[in-house]
C-alpha atoms as a PDB file:
ATOM      1  CA  MET A   1      -0.010   0.134   0.074  1.00  0.00           C
ATOM      2  CA  ASP A   2       1.238   3.464  -0.936  1.00  0.00           C
ATOM      3  CA  LYS A   3       2.324   5.635   1.974  1.00  0.00           C
ATOM      4  CA  ALA A   4      -0.108   8.406   0.813  1.00  0.00           C
ATOM      5  CA  ALA A   5      -2.838   6.081   1.457  1.00  0.00           C
ATOM      6  CA  PHE A   6      -2.414   6.562   5.353  1.00  0.00           C
ATOM      7  CA  ILE A   7      -3.727   9.345   7.539  1.00  0.00           C
ATOM      8  CA  VAL A   8      -3.949  10.594  11.009  1.00  0.00           C
ATOM      9  CA  VAL A   9      -7.474  11.941  12.101  1.00  0.00           C
ATOM     10  CA  PHE A  10      -7.817  14.468  14.963  1.00  0.00           C
ATOM     11  CA  THR A  11     -10.889  14.914  16.929  1.00  0.00           C
ATOM     12  CA  THR A  12     -11.211  16.571  20.338  1.00  0.00           C
ATOM     13  CA  VAL A  13     -13.840  15.490  22.972  1.00  0.00           C
ATOM     14  CA  PRO A  14     -15.094  16.938  26.272  1.00  0.00           C
ATOM     15  CA  ASP A  15     -13.866  14.093  28.653  1.00  0.00           C
ATOM     16  CA  LYS A  16     -11.996  10.814  28.903  1.00  0.00           C
ATOM     17  CA  ILE A  17     -15.104   8.746  28.855  1.00  0.00           C
ATOM     18  CA  SER A  18     -16.330  10.232  25.459  1.00  0.00           C
ATOM     19  CA  GLY A  19     -12.917   9.490  23.865  1.00  0.00           C
ATOM     20  CA  GLU A  20     -12.746   6.139  25.166  1.00  0.00           C
ATOM     21  CA  ARG A  21     -15.995   5.254  23.820  1.00  0.00           C
ATOM     22  CA  ILE A  22     -15.186   6.520  20.305  1.00  0.00           C
ATOM     23  CA  ALA A  23     -11.679   5.160  20.307  1.00  0.00           C
ATOM     24  CA  GLN A  24     -13.195   1.648  21.096  1.00  0.00           C
ATOM     25  CA  ALA A  25     -15.975   1.862  18.607  1.00  0.00           C
ATOM     26  CA  LEU A  26     -13.421   2.837  15.741  1.00  0.00           C
ATOM     27  CA  VAL A  27     -10.861   0.156  16.661  1.00  0.00           C
ATOM     28  CA  GLU A  28     -13.653  -2.462  17.094  1.00  0.00           C
ATOM     29  CA  SER A  29     -15.252  -1.768  13.728  1.00  0.00           C
ATOM     30  CA  ARG A  30     -11.843  -1.949  12.353  1.00  0.00           C
ATOM     31  CA  VAL A  31     -11.885   1.466  10.503  1.00  0.00           C
ATOM     32  CA  ALA A  32      -8.807   2.501  12.572  1.00  0.00           C
ATOM     33  CA  ALA A  33      -5.730   0.449  13.656  1.00  0.00           C
ATOM     34  CA  CYS A  34      -5.125   2.636  16.637  1.00  0.00           C
ATOM     35  CA  ALA A  35      -6.722   5.537  18.588  1.00  0.00           C
ATOM     36  CA  SER A  36      -4.777   7.325  21.144  1.00  0.00           C
ATOM     37  CA  LEU A  37      -6.373   9.363  23.764  1.00  0.00           C
ATOM     38  CA  CYS A  38      -4.024  12.181  24.929  1.00  0.00           C
ATOM     39  CA  LEU A  39      -3.911  14.150  28.209  1.00  0.00           C
ATOM     40  CA  PRO A  40      -6.329  17.050  28.722  1.00  0.00           C
ATOM     41  CA  CYS A  41      -5.648  20.309  27.185  1.00  0.00           C
ATOM     42  CA  GLU A  42      -7.093  23.842  27.190  1.00  0.00           C
ATOM     43  CA  SER A  43      -8.913  24.851  24.014  1.00  0.00           C
ATOM     44  CA  THR A  44      -9.807  28.472  23.231  1.00  0.00           C
ATOM     45  CA  TYR A  45     -12.282  28.993  20.458  1.00  0.00           C
ATOM     46  CA  TRP A  46     -15.198  30.841  18.873  1.00  0.00           C
ATOM     47  CA  TRP A  47     -18.558  29.400  19.586  1.00  0.00           C
ATOM     48  CA  GLN A  48     -21.897  31.036  18.986  1.00  0.00           C
ATOM     49  CA  GLY A  49     -20.369  34.628  18.659  1.00  0.00           C
ATOM     50  CA  ALA A  50     -18.254  34.479  21.932  1.00  0.00           C
ATOM     51  CA  VAL A  51     -14.723  33.161  22.810  1.00  0.00           C
ATOM     52  CA  SER A  52     -14.927  30.088  24.854  1.00  0.00           C
ATOM     53  CA  ARG A  53     -12.165  28.130  26.947  1.00  0.00           C
ATOM     54  CA  GLU A  54     -12.777  24.283  27.672  1.00  0.00           C
ATOM     55  CA  THR A  55     -10.707  21.414  28.995  1.00  0.00           C
ATOM     56  CA  GLU A  56     -10.784  18.725  26.304  1.00  0.00           C
ATOM     57  CA  HIS A  57      -8.842  15.561  25.353  1.00  0.00           C
ATOM     58  CA  THR A  58      -7.475  14.829  21.779  1.00  0.00           C
ATOM     59  CA  LEU A  59      -8.090  11.629  20.126  1.00  0.00           C
ATOM     60  CA  ILE A  60      -5.370  10.746  17.467  1.00  0.00           C
ATOM     61  CA  ILE A  61      -6.660   7.913  14.948  1.00  0.00           C
ATOM     62  CA  LYS A  62      -4.465   6.135  12.767  1.00  0.00           C
ATOM     63  CA  THR A  63      -6.052   4.759   9.634  1.00  0.00           C
ATOM     64  CA  THR A  64      -6.143   4.669   5.837  1.00  0.00           C
ATOM     65  CA  ALA A  65      -7.468   7.540   3.537  1.00  0.00           C
ATOM     66  CA  ARG A  66      -9.897   5.053   2.026  1.00  0.00           C
ATOM     67  CA  LEU A  67     -11.606   4.575   5.420  1.00  0.00           C
ATOM     68  CA  TYR A  68     -11.778   8.257   6.370  1.00  0.00           C
ATOM     69  CA  PRO A  69     -15.672   8.313   5.416  1.00  0.00           C
ATOM     70  CA  ALA A  70     -16.172   5.402   7.765  1.00  0.00           C
ATOM     71  CA  VAL A  71     -14.165   7.066  10.503  1.00  0.00           C
ATOM     72  CA  GLU A  72     -15.902  10.402  10.198  1.00  0.00           C
ATOM     73  CA  GLN A  73     -19.421   8.812  10.277  1.00  0.00           C
ATOM     74  CA  LYS A  74     -18.562   6.662  13.402  1.00  0.00           C
ATOM     75  CA  ILE A  75     -17.195  10.071  15.183  1.00  0.00           C
ATOM     76  CA  ARG A  76     -20.359  11.878  14.352  1.00  0.00           C
ATOM     77  CA  GLU A  77     -22.618   8.991  15.594  1.00  0.00           C
ATOM     78  CA  LEU A  78     -20.826   8.952  18.823  1.00  0.00           C
ATOM     79  CA  HIS A  79     -19.554  12.434  19.432  1.00  0.00           C
ATOM     80  CA  PRO A  80     -21.374  14.584  22.091  1.00  0.00           C
ATOM     81  CA  TYR A  81     -20.613  18.012  20.274  1.00  0.00           C
ATOM     82  CA  GLU A  82     -22.860  19.741  17.804  1.00  0.00           C
ATOM     83  CA  VAL A  83     -20.079  20.427  15.616  1.00  0.00           C
ATOM     84  CA  PRO A  84     -17.116  18.166  16.431  1.00  0.00           C
ATOM     85  CA  GLU A  85     -13.571  18.695  15.345  1.00  0.00           C
ATOM     86  CA  ILE A  86     -12.841  16.027  12.762  1.00  0.00           C
ATOM     87  CA  ILE A  87      -9.655  16.678  10.505  1.00  0.00           C
ATOM     88  CA  ALA A  88      -7.342  14.318   8.548  1.00  0.00           C
ATOM     89  CA  LEU A  89      -3.845  14.831   7.674  1.00  0.00           C
ATOM     90  CA  PRO A  90      -1.785  12.664   5.340  1.00  0.00           C
ATOM     91  CA  ILE A  91       1.092  10.569   6.565  1.00  0.00           C
ATOM     92  CA  LEU A  92       3.857  11.712   4.359  1.00  0.00           C
ATOM     93  CA  ARG A  93       6.467   9.429   5.972  1.00  0.00           C
ATOM     94  CA  GLY A  94       6.328   6.558   8.268  1.00  0.00           C
ATOM     95  CA  SER A  95       7.980   3.296   9.154  1.00  0.00           C
ATOM     96  CA  GLN A  96       6.997   0.764   6.670  1.00  0.00           C
ATOM     97  CA  PRO A  97       6.303  -1.996   9.195  1.00  0.00           C
ATOM     98  CA  TYR A  98       4.048   0.351  11.249  1.00  0.00           C
ATOM     99  CA  LEU A  99       2.291   1.286   7.796  1.00  0.00           C
ATOM    100  CA  ASN A 100       1.893  -2.270   7.200  1.00  0.00           C
ATOM    101  CA  TRP A 101       0.443  -3.011  10.541  1.00  0.00           C
ATOM    102  CA  ILE A 102      -2.128  -0.142  10.007  1.00  0.00           C
ATOM    103  CA  ALA A 103      -3.089  -1.728   6.647  1.00  0.00           C
ATOM    104  CA  SER A 104      -3.407  -5.237   8.257  1.00  0.00           C
ATOM    105  CA  GLU A 105      -5.406  -4.087  11.196  1.00  0.00           C
ATOM    106  CA  THR A 106      -8.285  -2.144   9.343  1.00  0.00           C
ATOM    107  CA  ARG A 107     -10.854  -3.609   7.177  1.00  0.00           C
ATOM    108  CA  SER A 108      -9.998  -4.368   3.592  1.00  0.00           C
ATOM    109  CA  ASP A 109     -13.581  -3.862   2.227  1.00  0.00           C
END
């Protein structure tokens, strides 16, 4: 599989429980090989005409570009936010054994 076929998807969640639920669903459904829930951070952003500041957790999801639509759909189904952050970045370089692992642990259909 071409290296350009791999992506990292980011989403932020309001709490650890939400992140764990989304991570579990993504990996169990095999649309992601791994989802890493990171320590809390402070996010500052515009929402409904005002600057907001909240503590959030970041979920880093390793998958393939082909599976992005399924990842986005699953996040939208489970995410508590009205407008969740869901962004994907290409993996430009990576360890070939790790990329092979992502490919082998995600569904092939």
